[in-house]
Amino acid sequence: MAGKPLIPDPEMLDEEKPELTEAFFTNARPMVEVFPELVAGLEAWQAEERRRRGQRGPQKAPTKVQLTLRVDRDVLDADRATGPGWQRRMNDALRSGIGGEPTR
């Protein structure tokens, strides 16, 4: 098929499906210019789909800072033994040490 020009099938062309000409492509505009809201919605949807199931999205306004902190094993074990939410409770204990109010 290489080198052989493509000839459109006349049965496939009609008023609803005209042949695409140079004039069509000259007048074509990017989709973002014609349908900006649709493109924005599509980009948001694609961003959500890129995340894996159960993965959190980016924080709108990050309030926490990740750090490495060395604590005694027994302190960590005692905090983890309190169950889910132990990191928040540990944060609240540190906050109370500087005279702050607990979160939530």
C-alpha atoms as a PDB file:
ATOM      1  CA  MET A   1       0.000   0.000   0.000  1.00  0.00           C
ATOM      2  CA  ALA A   2       2.977   2.311   0.396  1.00  0.00           C
ATOM      3  CA  GLY A   3       3.118   4.823  -2.426  1.00  0.00           C
ATOM      4  CA  LYS A   4      -0.430   4.150  -3.566  1.00  0.00           C
ATOM      5  CA  PRO A   5      -2.634   7.270  -3.122  1.00  0.00           C
ATOM      6  CA  LEU A   6      -5.697   6.843  -0.945  1.00  0.00           C
ATOM      7  CA  ILE A   7      -8.924   7.344  -2.849  1.00  0.00           C
ATOM      8  CA  PRO A   8     -11.982   8.120  -0.702  1.00  0.00           C
ATOM      9  CA  ASP A   9     -14.890   5.728  -1.033  1.00  0.00           C
ATOM     10  CA  PRO A  10     -17.773   7.780  -2.516  1.00  0.00           C
ATOM     11  CA  GLU A  11     -20.296   5.761  -0.500  1.00  0.00           C
ATOM     12  CA  MET A  12     -18.648   6.904   2.728  1.00  0.00           C
ATOM     13  CA  LEU A  13     -18.938  10.624   1.898  1.00  0.00           C
ATOM     14  CA  ASP A  14     -22.149  12.612   2.271  1.00  0.00           C
ATOM     15  CA  GLU A  15     -23.294  15.992   3.592  1.00  0.00           C
ATOM     16  CA  GLU A  16     -22.916  14.846   7.192  1.00  0.00           C
ATOM     17  CA  LYS A  17     -19.425  13.450   6.597  1.00  0.00           C
ATOM     18  CA  PRO A  18     -17.735  15.624   3.980  1.00  0.00           C
ATOM     19  CA  GLU A  19     -14.189  14.987   2.845  1.00  0.00           C
ATOM     20  CA  LEU A  20     -11.688  16.923   4.949  1.00  0.00           C
ATOM     21  CA  THR A  21      -9.953  19.479   2.738  1.00  0.00           C
ATOM     22  CA  GLU A  22      -7.104  21.963   3.173  1.00  0.00           C
ATOM     23  CA  ALA A  23      -9.716  24.674   3.827  1.00  0.00           C
ATOM     24  CA  PHE A  24     -11.087  22.653   6.743  1.00  0.00           C
ATOM     25  CA  PHE A  25      -7.657  22.362   8.362  1.00  0.00           C
ATOM     26  CA  THR A  26      -6.853  26.031   7.675  1.00  0.00           C
ATOM     27  CA  ASN A  27      -9.995  27.097   9.576  1.00  0.00           C
ATOM     28  CA  ALA A  28      -9.584  24.561  12.383  1.00  0.00           C
ATOM     29  CA  ARG A  29      -9.070  25.910  15.924  1.00  0.00           C
ATOM     30  CA  PRO A  30      -7.687  24.147  19.006  1.00  0.00           C
ATOM     31  CA  MET A  31     -10.299  22.468  21.180  1.00  0.00           C
ATOM     32  CA  VAL A  32      -9.252  24.563  24.194  1.00  0.00           C
ATOM     33  CA  GLU A  33     -10.287  27.719  22.286  1.00  0.00           C
ATOM     34  CA  VAL A  34     -13.644  26.325  21.235  1.00  0.00           C
ATOM     35  CA  PHE A  35     -14.609  24.436  24.430  1.00  0.00           C
ATOM     36  CA  PRO A  36     -12.450  25.725  27.347  1.00  0.00           C
ATOM     37  CA  GLU A  37     -14.812  24.409  30.068  1.00  0.00           C
ATOM     38  CA  LEU A  38     -14.869  20.954  28.514  1.00  0.00           C
ATOM     39  CA  VAL A  39     -11.068  20.836  28.316  1.00  0.00           C
ATOM     40  CA  ALA A  40     -10.720  21.988  31.942  1.00  0.00           C
ATOM     41  CA  GLY A  41     -13.158  19.295  33.076  1.00  0.00           C
ATOM     42  CA  LEU A  42     -11.346  16.667  31.047  1.00  0.00           C
ATOM     43  CA  GLU A  43      -7.980  17.658  32.513  1.00  0.00           C
ATOM     44  CA  ALA A  44      -9.396  17.481  36.052  1.00  0.00           C
ATOM     45  CA  TRP A  45     -10.889  14.057  35.341  1.00  0.00           C
ATOM     46  CA  GLN A  46      -7.582  12.810  33.919  1.00  0.00           C
ATOM     47  CA  ALA A  47      -5.718  14.065  36.995  1.00  0.00           C
ATOM     48  CA  GLU A  48      -8.096  12.106  39.227  1.00  0.00           C
ATOM     49  CA  GLU A  49      -7.753   8.992  37.095  1.00  0.00           C
ATOM     50  CA  ARG A  50      -3.949   9.112  37.307  1.00  0.00           C
ATOM     51  CA  ARG A  51      -4.134   8.505  41.044  1.00  0.00           C
ATOM     52  CA  ARG A  52      -4.289   4.930  42.153  1.00  0.00           C
ATOM     53  CA  ARG A  53      -7.225   3.628  44.138  1.00  0.00           C
ATOM     54  CA  GLY A  54      -6.953   4.759  47.747  1.00  0.00           C
ATOM     55  CA  GLN A  55      -4.280   7.312  46.954  1.00  0.00           C
ATOM     56  CA  ARG A  56      -4.882  10.826  48.262  1.00  0.00           C
ATOM     57  CA  GLY A  57      -4.811  13.789  45.952  1.00  0.00           C
ATOM     58  CA  PRO A  58      -2.580  16.782  46.491  1.00  0.00           C
ATOM     59  CA  GLN A  59      -3.372  18.951  49.506  1.00  0.00           C
ATOM     60  CA  LYS A  60      -4.992  22.254  48.591  1.00  0.00           C
ATOM     61  CA  ALA A  61      -3.018  24.042  51.298  1.00  0.00           C
ATOM     62  CA  PRO A  62      -0.391  21.798  52.909  1.00  0.00           C
ATOM     63  CA  THR A  63      -0.387  22.258  56.663  1.00  0.00           C
ATOM     64  CA  LYS A  64       1.974  19.478  57.691  1.00  0.00           C
ATOM     65  CA  VAL A  65       5.701  19.041  57.152  1.00  0.00           C
ATOM     66  CA  GLN A  66       7.307  15.636  56.713  1.00  0.00           C
ATOM     67  CA  LEU A  67      10.378  15.064  58.862  1.00  0.00           C
ATOM     68  CA  THR A  68      12.464  12.318  60.371  1.00  0.00           C
ATOM     69  CA  LEU A  69      12.322  12.165  64.146  1.00  0.00           C
ATOM     70  CA  ARG A  70      14.187   9.701  66.346  1.00  0.00           C
ATOM     71  CA  VAL A  71      12.272   8.612  69.458  1.00  0.00           C
ATOM     72  CA  ASP A  72      12.736   5.799  71.953  1.00  0.00           C
ATOM     73  CA  ARG A  73      11.286   2.468  70.851  1.00  0.00           C
ATOM     74  CA  ASP A  74       9.019   2.220  73.921  1.00  0.00           C
ATOM     75  CA  VAL A  75       7.544   5.679  73.216  1.00  0.00           C
ATOM     76  CA  LEU A  76       6.759   4.724  69.618  1.00  0.00           C
ATOM     77  CA  ASP A  77       5.346   1.330  70.621  1.00  0.00           C
ATOM     78  CA  ALA A  78       3.101   2.928  73.254  1.00  0.00           C
ATOM     79  CA  ASP A  79       1.751   5.466  70.760  1.00  0.00           C
ATOM     80  CA  ARG A  80       1.162   2.855  68.032  1.00  0.00           C
ATOM     81  CA  ALA A  81      -0.587   0.587  70.546  1.00  0.00           C
ATOM     82  CA  THR A  82      -3.320   3.214  70.965  1.00  0.00           C
ATOM     83  CA  GLY A  83      -4.594   2.277  67.485  1.00  0.00           C
ATOM     84  CA  PRO A  84      -5.580   4.309  64.434  1.00  0.00           C
ATOM     85  CA  GLY A  85      -4.921   8.019  64.816  1.00  0.00           C
ATOM     86  CA  TRP A  86      -1.759   7.500  66.845  1.00  0.00           C
ATOM     87  CA  GLN A  87       0.203   9.975  64.695  1.00  0.00           C
ATOM     88  CA  ARG A  88      -2.374  12.701  65.307  1.00  0.00           C
ATOM     89  CA  ARG A  89      -2.323  11.982  69.034  1.00  0.00           C
ATOM     90  CA  MET A  90       1.490  12.121  69.023  1.00  0.00           C
ATOM     91  CA  ASN A  91       1.272  15.460  67.180  1.00  0.00           C
ATOM     92  CA  ASP A  92      -1.206  16.706  69.803  1.00  0.00           C
ATOM     93  CA  ALA A  93       1.185  15.664  72.603  1.00  0.00           C
ATOM     94  CA  LEU A  94       4.009  17.592  70.948  1.00  0.00           C
ATOM     95  CA  ARG A  95       1.701  20.574  70.429  1.00  0.00           C
ATOM     96  CA  SER A  96       0.640  20.568  74.094  1.00  0.00           C
ATOM     97  CA  GLY A  97       4.340  20.607  75.009  1.00  0.00           C
ATOM     98  CA  ILE A  98       4.645  24.035  73.378  1.00  0.00           C
ATOM     99  CA  GLY A  99       1.382  25.269  74.897  1.00  0.00           C
ATOM    100  CA  GLY A 100      -0.761  24.830  71.783  1.00  0.00           C
ATOM    101  CA  GLU A 101      -4.304  23.510  71.423  1.00  0.00           C
ATOM    102  CA  PRO A 102      -4.842  19.935  70.146  1.00  0.00           C
ATOM    103  CA  THR A 103      -6.087  19.521  66.576  1.00  0.00           C
ATOM    104  CA  ARG A 104      -9.757  18.722  65.841  1.00  0.00           C
END
